[in-house]
Amino acid sequence: MEIVPYHVSYSGRVHESLRELIIRAVALGLGRKVFDAAREIERILRIYPQFGQPLRDLAVGSAQLWIGVVPPLVVHYILDEEHRQVMVVRPMQPLSRRSL
């Protein structure tokens, strides 16, 4: 049985903020940890985006807003099961504001 991956998309704002977050993390000696977490989030969202928790249903089709955590990052995303799409809608944030 072949697993069909979900299509994951990011806005330019999300890409830019992640780049800035990684730069800050490198300065604090946490660059590898943040980079690895971002890669793991990408991997999980492609194969099992239901790893997080649903926050609310959206008015568009069957889409839901979700939140997921891969330490040290938190990601908010929209999951559209019907179209097998995931859209990262807000910049990823550190789990703890004091850490980065």
C-alpha atoms as a PDB file:
ATOM      1  CA  MET A   1       0.000   0.000   0.000  1.00  0.00           C
ATOM      2  CA  GLU A   2       1.482   3.315  -1.092  1.00  0.00           C
ATOM      3  CA  ILE A   3       1.240   6.297   1.241  1.00  0.00           C
ATOM      4  CA  VAL A   4       0.296   9.479  -0.592  1.00  0.00           C
ATOM      5  CA  PRO A   5       2.038  12.411   1.095  1.00  0.00           C
ATOM      6  CA  TYR A   6       0.267  15.634   1.955  1.00  0.00           C
ATOM      7  CA  HIS A   7       1.254  18.765   0.052  1.00  0.00           C
ATOM      8  CA  VAL A   8       2.828  21.230   2.507  1.00  0.00           C
ATOM      9  CA  SER A   9       3.116  24.934   1.709  1.00  0.00           C
ATOM     10  CA  TYR A  10       4.610  27.896   3.546  1.00  0.00           C
ATOM     11  CA  SER A  11       4.169  31.611   3.027  1.00  0.00           C
ATOM     12  CA  GLY A  12       7.164  33.820   2.336  1.00  0.00           C
ATOM     13  CA  ARG A  13       6.687  35.332   5.793  1.00  0.00           C
ATOM     14  CA  VAL A  14       6.958  31.885   7.387  1.00  0.00           C
ATOM     15  CA  HIS A  15      10.162  31.106   5.451  1.00  0.00           C
ATOM     16  CA  GLU A  16      11.745  34.450   6.376  1.00  0.00           C
ATOM     17  CA  SER A  17      10.846  34.217  10.054  1.00  0.00           C
ATOM     18  CA  LEU A  18      12.219  30.662  10.257  1.00  0.00           C
ATOM     19  CA  ARG A  19      15.481  31.841   8.706  1.00  0.00           C
ATOM     20  CA  GLU A  20      15.701  34.630  11.295  1.00  0.00           C
ATOM     21  CA  LEU A  21      14.862  32.225  14.114  1.00  0.00           C
ATOM     22  CA  ILE A  22      17.636  29.854  13.021  1.00  0.00           C
ATOM     23  CA  ILE A  23      20.128  32.747  12.855  1.00  0.00           C
ATOM     24  CA  ARG A  24      19.214  33.727  16.440  1.00  0.00           C
ATOM     25  CA  ALA A  25      19.469  30.095  17.507  1.00  0.00           C
ATOM     26  CA  VAL A  26      22.941  29.741  15.953  1.00  0.00           C
ATOM     27  CA  ALA A  27      24.117  32.755  17.965  1.00  0.00           C
ATOM     28  CA  LEU A  28      22.910  30.972  21.113  1.00  0.00           C
ATOM     29  CA  GLY A  29      24.445  27.615  20.186  1.00  0.00           C
ATOM     30  CA  LEU A  30      21.013  26.114  19.416  1.00  0.00           C
ATOM     31  CA  GLY A  31      21.116  26.300  15.629  1.00  0.00           C
ATOM     32  CA  ARG A  32      21.310  22.553  14.983  1.00  0.00           C
ATOM     33  CA  LYS A  33      18.458  21.860  17.408  1.00  0.00           C
ATOM     34  CA  VAL A  34      16.124  24.402  15.761  1.00  0.00           C
ATOM     35  CA  PHE A  35      17.101  23.357  12.230  1.00  0.00           C
ATOM     36  CA  ASP A  36      16.511  19.663  13.037  1.00  0.00           C
ATOM     37  CA  ALA A  37      13.124  20.461  14.617  1.00  0.00           C
ATOM     38  CA  ALA A  38      12.059  22.424  11.517  1.00  0.00           C
ATOM     39  CA  ARG A  39      13.073  19.522   9.276  1.00  0.00           C
ATOM     40  CA  GLU A  40      11.193  17.072  11.474  1.00  0.00           C
ATOM     41  CA  ILE A  41       8.071  19.260  11.363  1.00  0.00           C
ATOM     42  CA  GLU A  42       8.262  19.253   7.561  1.00  0.00           C
ATOM     43  CA  ARG A  43       8.641  15.462   7.486  1.00  0.00           C
ATOM     44  CA  ILE A  44       5.755  14.854   9.878  1.00  0.00           C
ATOM     45  CA  LEU A  45       3.411  17.292   8.131  1.00  0.00           C
ATOM     46  CA  ARG A  46       3.951  15.434   4.853  1.00  0.00           C
ATOM     47  CA  ILE A  47       3.091  11.992   6.242  1.00  0.00           C
ATOM     48  CA  TYR A  48       0.977  12.500   9.382  1.00  0.00           C
ATOM     49  CA  PRO A  49      -0.225  16.084   9.923  1.00  0.00           C
ATOM     50  CA  GLN A  50      -2.708  14.865  12.553  1.00  0.00           C
ATOM     51  CA  PHE A  51       0.221  14.622  15.012  1.00  0.00           C
ATOM     52  CA  GLY A  52      -0.854  17.899  16.601  1.00  0.00           C
ATOM     53  CA  GLN A  53      -4.075  19.061  18.175  1.00  0.00           C
ATOM     54  CA  PRO A  54      -7.002  20.622  16.315  1.00  0.00           C
ATOM     55  CA  LEU A  55      -7.836  24.118  17.563  1.00  0.00           C
ATOM     56  CA  ARG A  56     -10.945  24.897  15.519  1.00  0.00           C
ATOM     57  CA  ASP A  57     -12.866  24.171  12.349  1.00  0.00           C
ATOM     58  CA  LEU A  58     -12.601  26.742   9.601  1.00  0.00           C
ATOM     59  CA  ALA A  59     -15.400  28.054   7.410  1.00  0.00           C
ATOM     60  CA  VAL A  60     -13.696  26.716   4.267  1.00  0.00           C
ATOM     61  CA  GLY A  61     -14.652  23.116   3.469  1.00  0.00           C
ATOM     62  CA  SER A  62     -13.263  20.552   5.855  1.00  0.00           C
ATOM     63  CA  ALA A  63     -10.201  22.608   6.832  1.00  0.00           C
ATOM     64  CA  GLN A  64      -9.122  22.871  10.465  1.00  0.00           C
ATOM     65  CA  LEU A  65      -6.555  24.965  12.300  1.00  0.00           C
ATOM     66  CA  TRP A  66      -4.048  22.777  14.168  1.00  0.00           C
ATOM     67  CA  ILE A  67      -1.095  23.257  16.498  1.00  0.00           C
ATOM     68  CA  GLY A  68       1.866  20.915  16.765  1.00  0.00           C
ATOM     69  CA  VAL A  69       5.051  20.803  18.806  1.00  0.00           C
ATOM     70  CA  VAL A  70       8.468  19.393  17.970  1.00  0.00           C
ATOM     71  CA  PRO A  71      10.732  20.819  20.672  1.00  0.00           C
ATOM     72  CA  PRO A  72      11.940  23.491  20.638  1.00  0.00           C
ATOM     73  CA  LEU A  73       9.403  24.677  17.986  1.00  0.00           C
ATOM     74  CA  VAL A  74       5.644  25.207  17.851  1.00  0.00           C
ATOM     75  CA  VAL A  75       3.839  25.248  14.500  1.00  0.00           C
ATOM     76  CA  HIS A  76       0.305  26.425  13.620  1.00  0.00           C
ATOM     77  CA  TYR A  77      -1.091  25.018  10.412  1.00  0.00           C
ATOM     78  CA  ILE A  78      -4.245  24.485   8.419  1.00  0.00           C
ATOM     79  CA  LEU A  79      -5.070  20.902   7.539  1.00  0.00           C
ATOM     80  CA  ASP A  80      -7.391  20.238   4.606  1.00  0.00           C
ATOM     81  CA  GLU A  81      -7.971  16.475   4.632  1.00  0.00           C
ATOM     82  CA  GLU A  82     -10.205  16.557   1.566  1.00  0.00           C
ATOM     83  CA  HIS A  83      -7.411  17.945  -0.633  1.00  0.00           C
ATOM     84  CA  ARG A  84      -4.499  16.438   1.385  1.00  0.00           C
ATOM     85  CA  GLN A  85      -3.028  19.900   1.886  1.00  0.00           C
ATOM     86  CA  VAL A  86      -1.215  21.468   4.812  1.00  0.00           C
ATOM     87  CA  MET A  87      -0.600  25.205   4.948  1.00  0.00           C
ATOM     88  CA  VAL A  88       1.710  26.655   7.586  1.00  0.00           C
ATOM     89  CA  VAL A  89      -0.076  29.882   8.378  1.00  0.00           C
ATOM     90  CA  ARG A  90       2.004  31.522  11.081  1.00  0.00           C
ATOM     91  CA  PRO A  91       5.730  31.717  11.690  1.00  0.00           C
ATOM     92  CA  MET A  92       7.066  28.881  13.819  1.00  0.00           C
ATOM     93  CA  GLN A  93       7.722  29.961  17.365  1.00  0.00           C
ATOM     94  CA  PRO A  94      10.062  28.725  20.070  1.00  0.00           C
ATOM     95  CA  LEU A  95       8.371  26.591  22.702  1.00  0.00           C
ATOM     96  CA  SER A  96       9.771  28.965  25.309  1.00  0.00           C
ATOM     97  CA  ARG A  97      10.228  32.666  24.508  1.00  0.00           C
ATOM     98  CA  ARG A  98      13.155  32.743  26.934  1.00  0.00           C
ATOM     99  CA  SER A  99      15.064  30.058  25.002  1.00  0.00           C
ATOM    100  CA  LEU A 100      15.383  32.050  21.743  1.00  0.00           C
END
